[in-house]
Amino acid sequence: MSKLHVKKGDLVQVIAGKNKGAKGRVIATQPGDERVVVEGVNMITKHGKETHQGPRGAKTGGVQTMEGPIHVSNVKKLKDDKPADKKADEKKADETGEDS
């Protein structure tokens, strides 16, 4: 098992495969398989059967579209637009001596 260069919430771009050039956020990581799930990339369809079992009653069936995992070597981490650390901004304001 190796360490991945991206983590959940990172902005990435797909650099290889059928979705090359697509950008999105990492939804989930699978370090054991070296795979990541990226928002809006590698969309797959799953067919579900309606069941009446389970603790909350009926489960609805039908076709669901969801993201599938892709290999971590096919994504490149991008710079994020949002500030990295909000606490650092608050601390800087406190050092100036301004009253809130």
N, C-alpha and C. Protein backbone atom coordinates (compact mmCIF):
# COMPACT_ATOMS: atom_id res chain seq x y z
N MET A 1 0.85 -1.17 0.00
CA MET A 1 0.00 0.00 0.00
C MET A 1 0.90 1.24 0.00
N SER A 2 0.63 2.16 -0.91
CA SER A 2 1.46 3.35 -1.02
C SER A 2 0.64 4.59 -0.71
N LYS A 3 1.33 5.68 -0.45
CA LYS A 3 0.68 6.94 -0.15
C LYS A 3 0.29 7.63 -1.45
N LEU A 4 -0.92 8.19 -1.48
CA LEU A 4 -1.41 8.86 -2.68
C LEU A 4 -1.02 10.33 -2.66
N HIS A 5 -0.85 10.92 -3.84
CA HIS A 5 -0.46 12.33 -3.94
C HIS A 5 -1.66 13.27 -3.87
N VAL A 6 -2.87 12.72 -3.81
CA VAL A 6 -4.08 13.53 -3.68
C VAL A 6 -4.88 13.02 -2.49
N LYS A 7 -5.75 13.88 -1.97
CA LYS A 7 -6.62 13.46 -0.87
C LYS A 7 -8.03 13.95 -1.14
N LYS A 8 -8.96 13.55 -0.31
CA LYS A 8 -10.36 13.91 -0.48
C LYS A 8 -10.51 15.44 -0.44
N GLY A 9 -11.23 15.97 -1.42
CA GLY A 9 -11.46 17.42 -1.48
C GLY A 9 -10.50 18.17 -2.38
N ASP A 10 -9.44 17.54 -2.86
CA ASP A 10 -8.48 18.21 -3.75
C ASP A 10 -9.08 18.42 -5.13
N LEU A 11 -8.67 19.50 -5.78
CA LEU A 11 -9.07 19.77 -7.16
C LEU A 11 -8.05 19.10 -8.08
N VAL A 12 -8.53 18.24 -8.99
CA VAL A 12 -7.64 17.49 -9.86
C VAL A 12 -8.11 17.59 -11.31
N GLN A 13 -7.18 17.27 -12.22
CA GLN A 13 -7.48 17.21 -13.65
C GLN A 13 -7.08 15.83 -14.15
N VAL A 14 -7.93 15.23 -14.99
CA VAL A 14 -7.64 13.91 -15.55
C VAL A 14 -6.67 14.11 -16.71
N ILE A 15 -5.56 13.37 -16.71
CA ILE A 15 -4.53 13.54 -17.74
C ILE A 15 -4.46 12.37 -18.71
N ALA A 16 -5.24 11.31 -18.47
CA ALA A 16 -5.22 10.16 -19.38
C ALA A 16 -6.57 9.45 -19.31
N GLY A 17 -6.93 8.79 -20.40
CA GLY A 17 -8.16 8.01 -20.43
C GLY A 17 -9.27 8.71 -21.19
N LYS A 18 -10.46 8.15 -21.11
CA LYS A 18 -11.58 8.66 -21.90
C LYS A 18 -12.08 10.02 -21.41
N ASN A 19 -11.79 10.39 -20.18
CA ASN A 19 -12.20 11.67 -19.63
C ASN A 19 -11.05 12.66 -19.53
N LYS A 20 -10.06 12.54 -20.42
CA LYS A 20 -8.87 13.39 -20.39
C LYS A 20 -9.27 14.86 -20.49
N GLY A 21 -8.69 15.68 -19.60
CA GLY A 21 -8.96 17.11 -19.59
C GLY A 21 -10.04 17.52 -18.61
N ALA A 22 -10.81 16.58 -18.08
CA ALA A 22 -11.89 16.90 -17.15
C ALA A 22 -11.32 17.31 -15.79
N LYS A 23 -11.96 18.29 -15.16
CA LYS A 23 -11.55 18.76 -13.84
C LYS A 23 -12.65 18.47 -12.84
N GLY A 24 -12.28 18.17 -11.61
CA GLY A 24 -13.27 17.91 -10.57
C GLY A 24 -12.60 17.70 -9.23
N ARG A 25 -13.42 17.58 -8.21
CA ARG A 25 -12.92 17.36 -6.85
C ARG A 25 -12.91 15.87 -6.54
N VAL A 26 -11.95 15.46 -5.71
CA VAL A 26 -11.84 14.07 -5.29
C VAL A 26 -12.93 13.81 -4.25
N ILE A 27 -13.79 12.84 -4.53
CA ILE A 27 -14.87 12.48 -3.61
C ILE A 27 -14.39 11.45 -2.59
N ALA A 28 -13.62 10.46 -3.06
CA ALA A 28 -13.15 9.39 -2.18
C ALA A 28 -11.81 8.87 -2.69
N THR A 29 -11.04 8.29 -1.79
CA THR A 29 -9.77 7.67 -2.16
C THR A 29 -9.78 6.22 -1.72
N GLN A 30 -9.09 5.38 -2.49
CA GLN A 30 -8.93 3.96 -2.16
C GLN A 30 -7.44 3.64 -2.20
N PRO A 31 -6.70 3.92 -1.12
CA PRO A 31 -5.24 3.75 -1.14
C PRO A 31 -4.80 2.31 -1.41
N GLY A 32 -5.58 1.34 -0.96
CA GLY A 32 -5.21 -0.06 -1.19
C GLY A 32 -5.19 -0.43 -2.65
N ASP A 33 -6.12 0.14 -3.42
CA ASP A 33 -6.20 -0.14 -4.85
C ASP A 33 -5.52 0.93 -5.69
N GLU A 34 -5.00 1.99 -5.06
CA GLU A 34 -4.39 3.15 -5.72
C GLU A 34 -5.38 3.78 -6.70
N ARG A 35 -6.61 4.00 -6.24
CA ARG A 35 -7.66 4.59 -7.08
C ARG A 35 -8.33 5.73 -6.34
N VAL A 36 -8.89 6.66 -7.15
CA VAL A 36 -9.63 7.79 -6.59
C VAL A 36 -10.95 7.93 -7.35
N VAL A 37 -11.95 8.50 -6.68
CA VAL A 37 -13.24 8.78 -7.30
C VAL A 37 -13.32 10.29 -7.45
N VAL A 38 -13.47 10.76 -8.71
CA VAL A 38 -13.49 12.19 -9.01
C VAL A 38 -14.91 12.58 -9.43
N GLU A 39 -15.35 13.72 -8.95
CA GLU A 39 -16.70 14.22 -9.22
C GLU A 39 -16.91 14.44 -10.72
N GLY A 40 -17.92 13.77 -11.30
CA GLY A 40 -18.28 13.94 -12.70
C GLY A 40 -17.40 13.22 -13.69
N VAL A 41 -16.51 12.33 -13.24
CA VAL A 41 -15.59 11.63 -14.12
C VAL A 41 -15.85 10.13 -14.03
N ASN A 42 -15.73 9.42 -15.17
CA ASN A 42 -15.92 7.98 -15.26
C ASN A 42 -17.30 7.57 -14.75
N MET A 43 -18.34 8.18 -15.34
CA MET A 43 -19.71 7.90 -14.92
C MET A 43 -20.11 6.49 -15.35
N ILE A 44 -20.65 5.72 -14.41
CA ILE A 44 -21.10 4.36 -14.68
C ILE A 44 -22.57 4.25 -14.30
N THR A 45 -23.27 3.25 -14.86
CA THR A 45 -24.66 3.02 -14.51
C THR A 45 -24.77 1.73 -13.72
N LYS A 46 -25.59 1.77 -12.69
CA LYS A 46 -25.85 0.58 -11.88
C LYS A 46 -27.35 0.33 -11.89
N HIS A 47 -27.73 -0.91 -12.11
CA HIS A 47 -29.14 -1.28 -12.13
C HIS A 47 -29.48 -1.91 -10.78
N GLY A 48 -30.50 -1.37 -10.14
CA GLY A 48 -30.91 -1.88 -8.84
C GLY A 48 -32.31 -2.47 -8.88
N LYS A 49 -32.52 -3.48 -8.07
CA LYS A 49 -33.82 -4.14 -8.01
C LYS A 49 -34.59 -3.59 -6.81
N GLU A 50 -35.88 -3.42 -6.96
CA GLU A 50 -36.70 -2.93 -5.86
C GLU A 50 -36.89 -4.06 -4.86
N THR A 51 -36.57 -3.78 -3.60
CA THR A 51 -36.74 -4.78 -2.55
C THR A 51 -37.62 -4.21 -1.45
N HIS A 52 -38.26 -5.09 -0.72
CA HIS A 52 -39.10 -4.67 0.40
C HIS A 52 -38.48 -5.13 1.72
N GLN A 53 -37.20 -5.42 1.69
CA GLN A 53 -36.52 -5.87 2.89
C GLN A 53 -35.70 -4.72 3.46
N GLY A 54 -35.21 -4.93 4.64
CA GLY A 54 -34.35 -3.93 5.26
C GLY A 54 -35.05 -3.24 6.41
N PRO A 55 -34.30 -2.50 7.19
CA PRO A 55 -34.86 -1.88 8.40
C PRO A 55 -35.83 -0.75 8.12
N ARG A 56 -35.74 -0.09 6.97
CA ARG A 56 -36.59 1.07 6.70
C ARG A 56 -37.61 0.83 5.61
N GLY A 57 -37.87 -0.39 5.29
CA GLY A 57 -38.90 -0.67 4.31
C GLY A 57 -38.35 -0.85 2.91
N ALA A 58 -39.08 -0.31 1.92
CA ALA A 58 -38.77 -0.56 0.52
C ALA A 58 -37.54 0.21 0.05
N LYS A 59 -36.76 -0.44 -0.76
CA LYS A 59 -35.63 0.19 -1.44
C LYS A 59 -36.05 0.39 -2.89
N THR A 60 -35.89 1.59 -3.39
CA THR A 60 -36.33 1.85 -4.76
C THR A 60 -35.34 1.27 -5.75
N GLY A 61 -35.86 0.77 -6.83
CA GLY A 61 -35.02 0.19 -7.87
C GLY A 61 -34.86 1.15 -9.03
N GLY A 62 -34.22 0.67 -10.09
CA GLY A 62 -34.04 1.48 -11.29
C GLY A 62 -32.59 1.66 -11.63
N VAL A 63 -32.33 2.56 -12.57
CA VAL A 63 -30.98 2.81 -13.04
C VAL A 63 -30.41 4.02 -12.32
N GLN A 64 -29.24 3.85 -11.73
CA GLN A 64 -28.55 4.95 -11.05
C GLN A 64 -27.25 5.25 -11.78
N THR A 65 -26.92 6.53 -11.90
CA THR A 65 -25.66 6.94 -12.50
C THR A 65 -24.76 7.44 -11.39
N MET A 66 -23.54 6.93 -11.35
CA MET A 66 -22.60 7.33 -10.30
C MET A 66 -21.17 7.34 -10.84
N GLU A 67 -20.26 7.95 -10.08
CA GLU A 67 -18.86 8.01 -10.48
C GLU A 67 -18.16 6.70 -10.13
N GLY A 68 -17.32 6.25 -11.04
CA GLY A 68 -16.50 5.08 -10.79
C GLY A 68 -15.08 5.50 -10.48
N PRO A 69 -14.30 4.62 -9.84
CA PRO A 69 -12.92 4.96 -9.51
C PRO A 69 -12.00 4.92 -10.73
N ILE A 70 -10.98 5.78 -10.72
CA ILE A 70 -9.93 5.76 -11.76
C ILE A 70 -8.58 5.67 -11.06
N HIS A 71 -7.58 5.25 -11.79
CA HIS A 71 -6.25 5.08 -11.19
C HIS A 71 -5.65 6.44 -10.85
N VAL A 72 -4.95 6.50 -9.73
CA VAL A 72 -4.41 7.76 -9.23
C VAL A 72 -3.34 8.34 -10.15
N SER A 73 -2.71 7.50 -10.98
CA SER A 73 -1.69 8.00 -11.90
C SER A 73 -2.29 8.77 -13.06
N ASN A 74 -3.61 8.69 -13.24
CA ASN A 74 -4.28 9.38 -14.33
C ASN A 74 -4.81 10.75 -13.92
N VAL A 75 -4.51 11.21 -12.71
CA VAL A 75 -4.95 12.52 -12.27
C VAL A 75 -3.77 13.38 -11.85
N LYS A 76 -3.93 14.69 -12.05
CA LYS A 76 -2.91 15.67 -11.68
C LYS A 76 -3.54 16.66 -10.72
N LYS A 77 -2.88 16.93 -9.61
CA LYS A 77 -3.40 17.87 -8.62
C LYS A 77 -3.24 19.30 -9.14
N LEU A 78 -4.30 20.10 -9.00
CA LEU A 78 -4.28 21.49 -9.45
C LEU A 78 -4.26 22.42 -8.25
N LYS A 79 -3.84 23.66 -8.50
CA LYS A 79 -3.87 24.68 -7.46
C LYS A 79 -5.32 25.02 -7.17
N ASP A 80 -5.63 25.22 -5.90
CA ASP A 80 -7.00 25.51 -5.50
C ASP A 80 -7.21 27.01 -5.40
N ASP A 81 -8.41 27.48 -5.75
CA ASP A 81 -8.72 28.90 -5.71
C ASP A 81 -8.97 29.40 -4.29
N LYS A 82 -9.52 28.54 -3.44
CA LYS A 82 -9.85 28.97 -2.08
C LYS A 82 -8.59 29.05 -1.22
N PRO A 83 -8.58 29.89 -0.16
CA PRO A 83 -7.40 29.98 0.70
C PRO A 83 -7.16 28.67 1.44
N ALA A 84 -5.89 28.35 1.62
CA ALA A 84 -5.53 27.06 2.19
C ALA A 84 -5.88 26.98 3.67
N ASP A 85 -5.67 28.06 4.43
CA ASP A 85 -5.87 27.99 5.87
C ASP A 85 -6.58 29.25 6.36
N LYS A 86 -7.80 29.10 6.82
CA LYS A 86 -8.55 30.25 7.31
C LYS A 86 -8.03 30.72 8.66
N LYS A 87 -7.48 29.80 9.46
CA LYS A 87 -6.98 30.17 10.78
C LYS A 87 -5.77 31.11 10.66
N ALA A 88 -4.98 30.94 9.62
CA ALA A 88 -3.82 31.81 9.43
C ALA A 88 -4.28 33.25 9.17
N ASP A 89 -5.37 33.43 8.43
CA ASP A 89 -5.90 34.76 8.18
C ASP A 89 -6.41 35.39 9.46
N GLU A 90 -7.08 34.60 10.31
CA GLU A 90 -7.59 35.12 11.58
C GLU A 90 -6.43 35.52 12.49
N LYS A 91 -5.39 34.71 12.49
CA LYS A 91 -4.24 34.98 13.35
C LYS A 91 -3.54 36.26 12.91
N LYS A 92 -3.44 36.49 11.60
CA LYS A 92 -2.81 37.69 11.07
C LYS A 92 -3.60 38.93 11.51
N ALA A 93 -4.92 38.84 11.51
CA ALA A 93 -5.75 39.96 11.93
C ALA A 93 -5.59 40.24 13.42
N ASP A 94 -5.40 39.19 14.22
CA ASP A 94 -5.21 39.37 15.66
C ASP A 94 -3.88 40.04 15.97
N GLU A 95 -2.84 39.77 15.17
CA GLU A 95 -1.54 40.35 15.42
C GLU A 95 -1.50 41.85 15.13
N THR A 96 -2.40 42.34 14.30
CA THR A 96 -2.41 43.77 13.98
C THR A 96 -2.95 44.61 15.13
N GLY A 97 -3.62 43.98 16.09
CA GLY A 97 -4.12 44.71 17.25
C GLY A 97 -5.48 45.32 17.06
N GLU A 98 -6.16 44.98 16.00
CA GLU A 98 -7.48 45.54 15.76
C GLU A 98 -8.49 44.89 16.69
N ASP A 99 -9.46 45.69 17.15
CA ASP A 99 -10.51 45.17 17.99
C ASP A 99 -11.65 44.68 17.13
N SER A 100 -12.30 43.60 17.57
CA SER A 100 -13.42 43.06 16.81
C SER A 100 -14.71 43.69 17.24
